[in-house]
C-alpha atoms as a PDB file:
ATOM      1  CA  MET A   1      62.285  45.383 -53.682  1.00  0.00           C
ATOM      2  CA  SER A   2      65.514  43.396 -53.734  1.00  0.00           C
ATOM      3  CA  ILE A   3      67.022  41.673 -50.692  1.00  0.00           C
ATOM      4  CA  LEU A   4      70.728  41.857 -49.874  1.00  0.00           C
ATOM      5  CA  THR A   5      72.715  38.682 -49.343  1.00  0.00           C
ATOM      6  CA  GLN A   6      74.513  40.220 -46.360  1.00  0.00           C
ATOM      7  CA  GLY A   7      73.048  38.586 -43.259  1.00  0.00           C
ATOM      8  CA  THR A   8      72.182  35.256 -44.903  1.00  0.00           C
ATOM      9  CA  GLN A   9      72.728  32.233 -42.666  1.00  0.00           C
ATOM     10  CA  VAL A  10      72.785  28.499 -43.423  1.00  0.00           C
ATOM     11  CA  PHE A  11      71.584  25.963 -40.850  1.00  0.00           C
ATOM     12  CA  ALA A  12      71.631  22.165 -40.834  1.00  0.00           C
ATOM     13  CA  LEU A  13      69.713  19.695 -38.687  1.00  0.00           C
ATOM     14  CA  VAL A  14      72.460  17.187 -37.970  1.00  0.00           C
ATOM     15  CA  PRO A  15      72.433  13.794 -36.249  1.00  0.00           C
ATOM     16  CA  PRO A  16      74.710  13.140 -33.269  1.00  0.00           C
ATOM     17  CA  LEU A  17      78.188  11.884 -34.090  1.00  0.00           C
ATOM     18  CA  SER A  18      77.525   8.710 -32.095  1.00  0.00           C
ATOM     19  CA  GLY A  19      74.524   7.904 -34.285  1.00  0.00           C
ATOM     20  CA  THR A  20      72.049   7.856 -31.400  1.00  0.00           C
ATOM     21  CA  GLY A  21      70.352  10.683 -29.557  1.00  0.00           C
ATOM     22  CA  PRO A  22      68.598  13.905 -30.505  1.00  0.00           C
ATOM     23  CA  PHE A  23      69.426  15.953 -33.577  1.00  0.00           C
ATOM     24  CA  THR A  24      70.847  19.453 -33.180  1.00  0.00           C
ATOM     25  CA  VAL A  25      70.423  22.675 -35.133  1.00  0.00           C
ATOM     26  CA  MET A  26      73.871  23.715 -36.371  1.00  0.00           C
ATOM     27  CA  GLU A  27      74.741  26.971 -38.098  1.00  0.00           C
ATOM     28  CA  VAL A  28      77.311  26.527 -40.843  1.00  0.00           C
ATOM     29  CA  GLU A  29      79.474  29.429 -39.787  1.00  0.00           C
ATOM     30  CA  CYS A  30      81.137  31.877 -42.151  1.00  0.00           C
ATOM     31  CA  ALA A  31      79.678  30.582 -45.387  1.00  0.00           C
ATOM     32  CA  THR A  32      81.036  32.590 -48.321  1.00  0.00           C
ATOM     33  CA  SER A  33      78.575  31.434 -50.974  1.00  0.00           C
ATOM     34  CA  PHE A  34      75.546  29.223 -51.370  1.00  0.00           C
ATOM     35  CA  ASP A  35      73.772  27.940 -54.465  1.00  0.00           C
ATOM     36  CA  PRO A  36      70.815  25.641 -53.743  1.00  0.00           C
ATOM     37  CA  GLY A  37      70.784  24.222 -57.257  1.00  0.00           C
ATOM     38  CA  GLY A  38      67.599  23.231 -59.027  1.00  0.00           C
ATOM     39  CA  ALA A  39      65.200  20.349 -59.476  1.00  0.00           C
ATOM     40  CA  PRO A  40      63.995  20.404 -63.085  1.00  0.00           C
ATOM     41  CA  ALA A  41      61.075  18.236 -64.133  1.00  0.00           C
ATOM     42  CA  ASP A  42      61.856  15.361 -66.478  1.00  0.00           C
ATOM     43  CA  GLN A  43      60.403  15.234 -69.975  1.00  0.00           C
ATOM     44  CA  ILE A  44      57.884  12.518 -70.777  1.00  0.00           C
ATOM     45  CA  GLU A  45      57.367  12.308 -74.507  1.00  0.00           C
ATOM     46  CA  ASP A  46      53.745  12.480 -75.628  1.00  0.00           C
ATOM     47  CA  THR A  47      54.129  12.792 -79.387  1.00  0.00           C
ATOM     48  CA  CYS A  48      51.593  11.367 -81.810  1.00  0.00           C
ATOM     49  CA  LEU A  49      52.892   9.551 -84.872  1.00  0.00           C
ATOM     50  CA  SER A  50      51.196  12.106 -87.110  1.00  0.00           C
ATOM     51  CA  ALA A  51      52.805  15.087 -85.341  1.00  0.00           C
ATOM     52  CA  LYS A  52      55.512  17.182 -87.012  1.00  0.00           C
ATOM     53  CA  GLU A  53      56.996  18.349 -83.692  1.00  0.00           C
ATOM     54  CA  ARG A  54      57.599  16.576 -80.406  1.00  0.00           C
ATOM     55  CA  SER A  55      55.331  17.231 -77.433  1.00  0.00           C
ATOM     56  CA  TYR A  56      56.004  16.470 -73.784  1.00  0.00           C
ATOM     57  CA  LYS A  57      54.305  16.040 -70.450  1.00  0.00           C
ATOM     58  CA  LYS A  58      55.841  17.121 -67.170  1.00  0.00           C
ATOM     59  CA  GLY A  59      57.456  14.203 -65.341  1.00  0.00           C
ATOM     60  CA  LEU A  60      59.136  13.657 -62.012  1.00  0.00           C
ATOM     61  CA  ARG A  61      61.610  16.234 -60.780  1.00  0.00           C
ATOM     62  CA  THR A  62      65.277  15.292 -60.570  1.00  0.00           C
ATOM     63  CA  PRO A  63      66.921  17.223 -57.720  1.00  0.00           C
ATOM     64  CA  GLY A  64      70.381  18.534 -58.498  1.00  0.00           C
ATOM     65  CA  GLN A  65      73.310  19.477 -56.304  1.00  0.00           C
ATOM     66  CA  ALA A  66      73.616  22.447 -53.991  1.00  0.00           C
ATOM     67  CA  SER A  67      77.024  24.032 -53.385  1.00  0.00           C
ATOM     68  CA  LEU A  68      78.235  25.676 -50.184  1.00  0.00           C
ATOM     69  CA  GLY A  69      81.414  27.761 -50.213  1.00  0.00           C
ATOM     70  CA  LEU A  70      83.524  28.053 -47.055  1.00  0.00           C
ATOM     71  CA  ASN A  71      86.903  29.284 -45.917  1.00  0.00           C
ATOM     72  CA  ALA A  72      87.802  25.913 -44.408  1.00  0.00           C
ATOM     73  CA  ASP A  73      88.753  26.292 -40.741  1.00  0.00           C
ATOM     74  CA  PRO A  74      89.754  23.247 -38.650  1.00  0.00           C
ATOM     75  CA  ASN A  75      88.960  25.255 -35.513  1.00  0.00           C
ATOM     76  CA  ASN A  76      85.343  25.685 -36.624  1.00  0.00           C
ATOM     77  CA  ALA A  77      83.210  22.829 -35.298  1.00  0.00           C
ATOM     78  CA  SER A  78      80.569  23.225 -38.011  1.00  0.00           C
ATOM     79  CA  HIS A  79      83.189  22.811 -40.759  1.00  0.00           C
ATOM     80  CA  ILE A  80      84.559  19.669 -39.105  1.00  0.00           C
ATOM     81  CA  ARG A  81      81.033  18.256 -38.769  1.00  0.00           C
ATOM     82  CA  LEU A  82      80.282  18.843 -42.463  1.00  0.00           C
ATOM     83  CA  HIS A  83      83.473  17.002 -43.420  1.00  0.00           C
ATOM     84  CA  GLN A  84      82.467  14.120 -41.147  1.00  0.00           C
ATOM     85  CA  LEU A  85      79.054  13.959 -42.818  1.00  0.00           C
ATOM     86  CA  SER A  86      80.696  13.845 -46.252  1.00  0.00           C
ATOM     87  CA  GLU A  87      82.780  10.839 -45.178  1.00  0.00           C
ATOM     88  CA  ALA A  88      80.002   8.972 -43.355  1.00  0.00           C
ATOM     89  CA  ASP A  89      78.414   5.869 -44.833  1.00  0.00           C
ATOM     90  CA  GLY A  90      74.747   4.956 -44.766  1.00  0.00           C
ATOM     91  CA  ASP A  91      71.714   7.211 -44.600  1.00  0.00           C
ATOM     92  CA  THR A  92      73.156  10.632 -43.808  1.00  0.00           C
ATOM     93  CA  SER A  93      70.458  12.862 -45.300  1.00  0.00           C
ATOM     94  CA  VAL A  94      70.325  16.263 -43.615  1.00  0.00           C
ATOM     95  CA  LYS A  95      67.628  18.928 -43.473  1.00  0.00           C
ATOM     96  CA  TRP A  96      68.801  22.425 -44.438  1.00  0.00           C
ATOM     97  CA  ALA A  97      67.346  25.861 -43.768  1.00  0.00           C
ATOM     98  CA  VAL A  98      68.672  29.053 -45.355  1.00  0.00           C
ATOM     99  CA  GLY A  99      67.705  32.153 -43.389  1.00  0.00           C
ATOM    100  CA  TRP A 100      67.384  35.251 -45.553  1.00  0.00           C
ATOM    101  CA  SER A 101      68.722  38.666 -44.578  1.00  0.00           C
ATOM    102  CA  ASP A 102      65.240  40.072 -43.875  1.00  0.00           C
ATOM    103  CA  GLY A 103      65.444  38.752 -40.303  1.00  0.00           C
ATOM    104  CA  THR A 104      67.861  37.573 -37.630  1.00  0.00           C
ATOM    105  CA  ALA A 105      65.907  34.883 -35.745  1.00  0.00           C
ATOM    106  CA  ILE A 106      67.435  31.417 -35.730  1.00  0.00           C
ATOM    107  CA  PRO A 107      65.565  28.110 -36.081  1.00  0.00           C
ATOM    108  CA  THR A 108      65.104  25.735 -33.178  1.00  0.00           C
ATOM    109  CA  LEU A 109      64.555  21.994 -32.940  1.00  0.00           C
ATOM    110  CA  SER A 110      61.021  20.659 -33.209  1.00  0.00           C
ATOM    111  CA  ALA A 111      61.154  17.176 -31.729  1.00  0.00           C
ATOM    112  CA  GLY A 112      59.158  14.290 -33.142  1.00  0.00           C
ATOM    113  CA  GLY A 113      55.743  14.034 -31.517  1.00  0.00           C
ATOM    114  CA  ALA A 114      55.446  17.813 -31.197  1.00  0.00           C
ATOM    115  CA  VAL A 115      52.722  20.132 -32.460  1.00  0.00           C
ATOM    116  CA  ASP A 116      54.191  21.886 -35.487  1.00  0.00           C
ATOM    117  CA  GLY A 117      51.239  23.819 -36.880  1.00  0.00           C
ATOM    118  CA  VAL A 118      47.602  24.828 -36.606  1.00  0.00           C
ATOM    119  CA  SER A 119      45.229  25.335 -39.538  1.00  0.00           C
ATOM    120  CA  ILE A 120      42.179  27.528 -39.061  1.00  0.00           C
ATOM    121  CA  GLY A 121      38.983  25.794 -40.153  1.00  0.00           C
ATOM    122  CA  SER A 122      36.605  28.615 -39.247  1.00  0.00           C
ATOM    123  CA  GLY A 123      37.556  32.058 -37.999  1.00  0.00           C
ATOM    124  CA  GLY A 124      34.299  32.504 -36.108  1.00  0.00           C
ATOM    125  CA  THR A 125      32.736  35.913 -35.470  1.00  0.00           C
ATOM    126  CA  GLY A 126      32.632  38.671 -32.905  1.00  0.00           C
ATOM    127  CA  TYR A 127      36.097  38.362 -31.390  1.00  0.00           C
ATOM    128  CA  THR A 128      37.217  41.619 -29.796  1.00  0.00           C
ATOM    129  CA  THR A 129      40.383  40.168 -28.264  1.00  0.00           C
ATOM    130  CA  ALA A 130      42.450  37.074 -28.935  1.00  0.00           C
ATOM    131  CA  PRO A 131      40.853  33.968 -27.414  1.00  0.00           C
ATOM    132  CA  THR A 132      42.798  31.510 -25.295  1.00  0.00           C
ATOM    133  CA  VAL A 133      44.083  28.461 -27.183  1.00  0.00           C
ATOM    134  CA  ALA A 134      44.056  25.023 -25.551  1.00  0.00           C
ATOM    135  CA  PHE A 135      45.372  21.690 -26.853  1.00  0.00           C
ATOM    136  CA  THR A 136      43.866  18.504 -25.414  1.00  0.00           C
ATOM    137  CA  GLY A 137      44.328  14.816 -26.144  1.00  0.00           C
ATOM    138  CA  GLY A 138      46.712  13.277 -28.633  1.00  0.00           C
ATOM    139  CA  GLY A 139      48.726  11.489 -25.964  1.00  0.00           C
ATOM    140  CA  GLY A 140      51.131  14.378 -25.334  1.00  0.00           C
ATOM    141  CA  THR A 141      51.521  17.391 -23.088  1.00  0.00           C
ATOM    142  CA  GLY A 142      52.847  20.922 -23.071  1.00  0.00           C
ATOM    143  CA  ALA A 143      51.633  22.341 -26.385  1.00  0.00           C
ATOM    144  CA  ALA A 144      50.625  25.988 -26.244  1.00  0.00           C
ATOM    145  CA  GLY A 145      49.840  28.751 -28.684  1.00  0.00           C
ATOM    146  CA  THR A 146      48.479  32.261 -29.074  1.00  0.00           C
ATOM    147  CA  ALA A 147      45.696  33.288 -31.422  1.00  0.00           C
ATOM    148  CA  THR A 148      45.645  36.330 -33.683  1.00  0.00           C
ATOM    149  CA  VAL A 149      42.446  38.214 -34.451  1.00  0.00           C
ATOM    150  CA  SER A 150      41.581  40.628 -37.250  1.00  0.00           C
ATOM    151  CA  GLY A 151      38.164  42.096 -37.951  1.00  0.00           C
ATOM    152  CA  GLY A 152      36.517  39.963 -35.289  1.00  0.00           C
ATOM    153  CA  VAL A 153      37.829  36.749 -36.862  1.00  0.00           C
ATOM    154  CA  VAL A 154      40.540  34.371 -35.646  1.00  0.00           C
ATOM    155  CA  THR A 155      43.138  34.426 -38.419  1.00  0.00           C
ATOM    156  CA  GLY A 156      45.873  32.197 -37.070  1.00  0.00           C
ATOM    157  CA  VAL A 157      47.623  30.494 -34.178  1.00  0.00           C
ATOM    158  CA  THR A 158      51.308  30.901 -33.366  1.00  0.00           C
ATOM    159  CA  ILE A 159      52.852  27.895 -31.616  1.00  0.00           C
ATOM    160  CA  THR A 160      54.670  29.138 -28.500  1.00  0.00           C
ATOM    161  CA  SER A 161      55.474  25.653 -27.187  1.00  0.00           C
ATOM    162  CA  PRO A 162      55.324  22.522 -29.385  1.00  0.00           C
ATOM    163  CA  GLY A 163      54.959  20.140 -26.455  1.00  0.00           C
ATOM    164  CA  THR A 164      56.161  16.528 -26.451  1.00  0.00           C
ATOM    165  CA  GLY A 165      54.891  12.983 -26.738  1.00  0.00           C
ATOM    166  CA  TYR A 166      52.005  13.488 -29.166  1.00  0.00           C
ATOM    167  CA  THR A 167      51.104  10.346 -31.083  1.00  0.00           C
ATOM    168  CA  SER A 168      48.122  11.934 -32.827  1.00  0.00           C
ATOM    169  CA  ALA A 169      46.859  15.456 -33.427  1.00  0.00           C
ATOM    170  CA  PRO A 170      45.381  17.062 -30.292  1.00  0.00           C
ATOM    171  CA  THR A 171      42.060  18.882 -30.306  1.00  0.00           C
ATOM    172  CA  VAL A 172      42.287  22.682 -30.551  1.00  0.00           C
ATOM    173  CA  ALA A 173      39.792  24.762 -28.546  1.00  0.00           C
ATOM    174  CA  PHE A 174      39.260  28.530 -28.341  1.00  0.00           C
ATOM    175  CA  THR A 175      37.759  30.199 -25.257  1.00  0.00           C
ATOM    176  CA  GLY A 176      37.111  33.831 -24.410  1.00  0.00           C
ATOM    177  CA  GLY A 177      37.668  36.838 -26.597  1.00  0.00           C
ATOM    178  CA  ALA A 178      33.911  37.640 -26.689  1.00  0.00           C
ATOM    179  CA  GLY A 179      33.429  35.711 -29.938  1.00  0.00           C
ATOM    180  CA  THR A 180      32.152  32.322 -31.034  1.00  0.00           C
ATOM    181  CA  GLY A 181      32.562  29.720 -33.729  1.00  0.00           C
ATOM    182  CA  ALA A 182      36.322  29.569 -34.236  1.00  0.00           C
ATOM    183  CA  SER A 183      37.720  26.117 -34.966  1.00  0.00           C
ATOM    184  CA  ALA A 184      41.086  24.728 -35.981  1.00  0.00           C
ATOM    185  CA  THR A 185      43.051  21.522 -36.438  1.00  0.00           C
ATOM    186  CA  ALA A 186      46.590  20.804 -35.268  1.00  0.00           C
ATOM    187  CA  THR A 187      49.327  18.868 -37.021  1.00  0.00           C
ATOM    188  CA  VAL A 188      52.003  16.813 -35.294  1.00  0.00           C
ATOM    189  CA  SER A 189      55.529  16.217 -36.554  1.00  0.00           C
ATOM    190  CA  ALA A 190      56.409  12.558 -37.017  1.00  0.00           C
ATOM    191  CA  GLU A 191      60.151  13.214 -36.854  1.00  0.00           C
ATOM    192  CA  GLU A 192      62.577  15.883 -35.742  1.00  0.00           C
ATOM    193  CA  ASP A 193      62.495  19.008 -37.858  1.00  0.00           C
ATOM    194  CA  PHE A 194      63.203  22.731 -37.835  1.00  0.00           C
ATOM    195  CA  SER A 195      60.885  25.105 -36.021  1.00  0.00           C
ATOM    196  CA  LEU A 196      61.207  28.191 -38.223  1.00  0.00           C
ATOM    197  CA  PRO A 197      60.515  31.690 -36.840  1.00  0.00           C
ATOM    198  CA  GLU A 198      57.906  33.579 -38.862  1.00  0.00           C
ATOM    199  CA  SER A 199      59.958  36.798 -38.663  1.00  0.00           C
ATOM    200  CA  ARG A 200      62.331  35.674 -41.408  1.00  0.00           C
ATOM    201  CA  THR A 201      62.140  34.257 -44.920  1.00  0.00           C
ATOM    202  CA  TRP A 202      63.404  30.680 -45.269  1.00  0.00           C
ATOM    203  CA  PHE A 203      64.431  28.293 -48.021  1.00  0.00           C
ATOM    204  CA  VAL A 204      64.378  24.668 -46.876  1.00  0.00           C
ATOM    205  CA  PHE A 205      65.353  21.402 -48.529  1.00  0.00           C
ATOM    206  CA  GLU A 206      66.890  18.029 -47.735  1.00  0.00           C
ATOM    207  CA  GLY A 207      70.069  16.363 -48.967  1.00  0.00           C
ATOM    208  CA  TYR A 208      73.282  14.614 -47.998  1.00  0.00           C
ATOM    209  CA  VAL A 209      76.803  16.088 -48.052  1.00  0.00           C
ATOM    210  CA  SER A 210      78.366  14.293 -51.006  1.00  0.00           C
ATOM    211  CA  ASP A 211      81.808  15.930 -51.035  1.00  0.00           C
ATOM    212  CA  PHE A 212      83.970  18.359 -49.063  1.00  0.00           C
ATOM    213  CA  PRO A 213      87.037  19.047 -51.259  1.00  0.00           C
ATOM    214  CA  PHE A 214      89.810  21.394 -50.131  1.00  0.00           C
ATOM    215  CA  SER A 215      91.492  23.960 -52.372  1.00  0.00           C
ATOM    216  CA  PHE A 216      95.055  25.108 -51.599  1.00  0.00           C
ATOM    217  CA  ALA A 217      96.544  27.985 -53.608  1.00  0.00           C
ATOM    218  CA  ALA A 218      99.372  30.472 -53.110  1.00  0.00           C
ATOM    219  CA  ASN A 219      98.732  33.692 -51.182  1.00  0.00           C
ATOM    220  CA  THR A 220      95.183  32.876 -50.143  1.00  0.00           C
ATOM    221  CA  VAL A 221      93.209  30.993 -47.509  1.00  0.00           C
ATOM    222  CA  VAL A 222      92.222  27.344 -47.756  1.00  0.00           C
ATOM    223  CA  THR A 223      88.732  27.074 -49.221  1.00  0.00           C
ATOM    224  CA  THR A 224      86.176  24.408 -49.974  1.00  0.00           C
ATOM    225  CA  THR A 225      83.013  24.183 -51.998  1.00  0.00           C
ATOM    226  CA  ALA A 226      81.004  21.461 -50.324  1.00  0.00           C
ATOM    227  CA  THR A 227      78.412  19.743 -52.489  1.00  0.00           C
ATOM    228  CA  ILE A 228      75.021  18.627 -51.220  1.00  0.00           C
ATOM    229  CA  GLN A 229      73.018  16.117 -53.225  1.00  0.00           C
ATOM    230  CA  ARG A 230      69.425  17.228 -52.858  1.00  0.00           C
ATOM    231  CA  SER A 231      66.618  14.736 -52.305  1.00  0.00           C
ATOM    232  CA  GLY A 232      62.931  15.536 -52.660  1.00  0.00           C
ATOM    233  CA  GLY A 233      61.400  18.964 -52.974  1.00  0.00           C
ATOM    234  CA  SER A 234      62.042  22.358 -51.435  1.00  0.00           C
ATOM    235  CA  ALA A 235      60.024  25.183 -49.916  1.00  0.00           C
ATOM    236  CA  TRP A 236      60.392  28.965 -49.997  1.00  0.00           C
ATOM    237  CA  ILE A 237      58.674  30.300 -46.889  1.00  0.00           C
ATOM    238  CA  LYS A 238      57.933  34.029 -46.792  1.00  0.00           C
ATOM    239  CA  LYS A 239      58.188  35.910 -43.505  1.00  0.00           C
ATOM    240  CA  THR A 240      54.825  36.877 -42.030  1.00  0.00           C
ATOM    241  CA  THR A 241      55.718  39.057 -39.034  1.00  0.00           C
END
């Protein structure tokens, strides 16, 4: 089944203009097009002298450029911020999240030192209801989550509050639910990142705004196709709820 582009949203995790303070999740409003570009793997030649044709091994990936089309509006704060990022010097790499049209939830900020995920080690047996999830240790406070159960087995934990101040992964404990044996491990974010709702498909990557050129033509609106130089890999995250 195909997915319509109508309803797609683009979000950026941007630093404060002053250079200090928390990051913020910003929607790039009224995007007209988006092409994330690619990251093809380099060719490493592995041809023997006796060979009649060249052979290659897969090398490092070289991230390309993403392009983001906008009807440039000076009254739109997100457009102004993108232009500022394109003109800024230094390390201005930005995290990006593209929300697909199969959902409407928006991402939130996951602060550094917050619990950002739980991996089930053993689902246990005999659970008739979802057990209570508790996070202890790790130097932080406030993390909370809810467990999901299927067929008497704990299948996952949804983070309802990431907490703050964790310097190491807290211990995860399950109580109640009439079952036994479930175990899991938590992961803690080292830096600020997106907290992505599971009710929507996401495409995420990182890169800096390399250019924000304006286009003026007769009998039309002012447009721009901002370019984003990608850095590192990407992830396509399928919705699960």
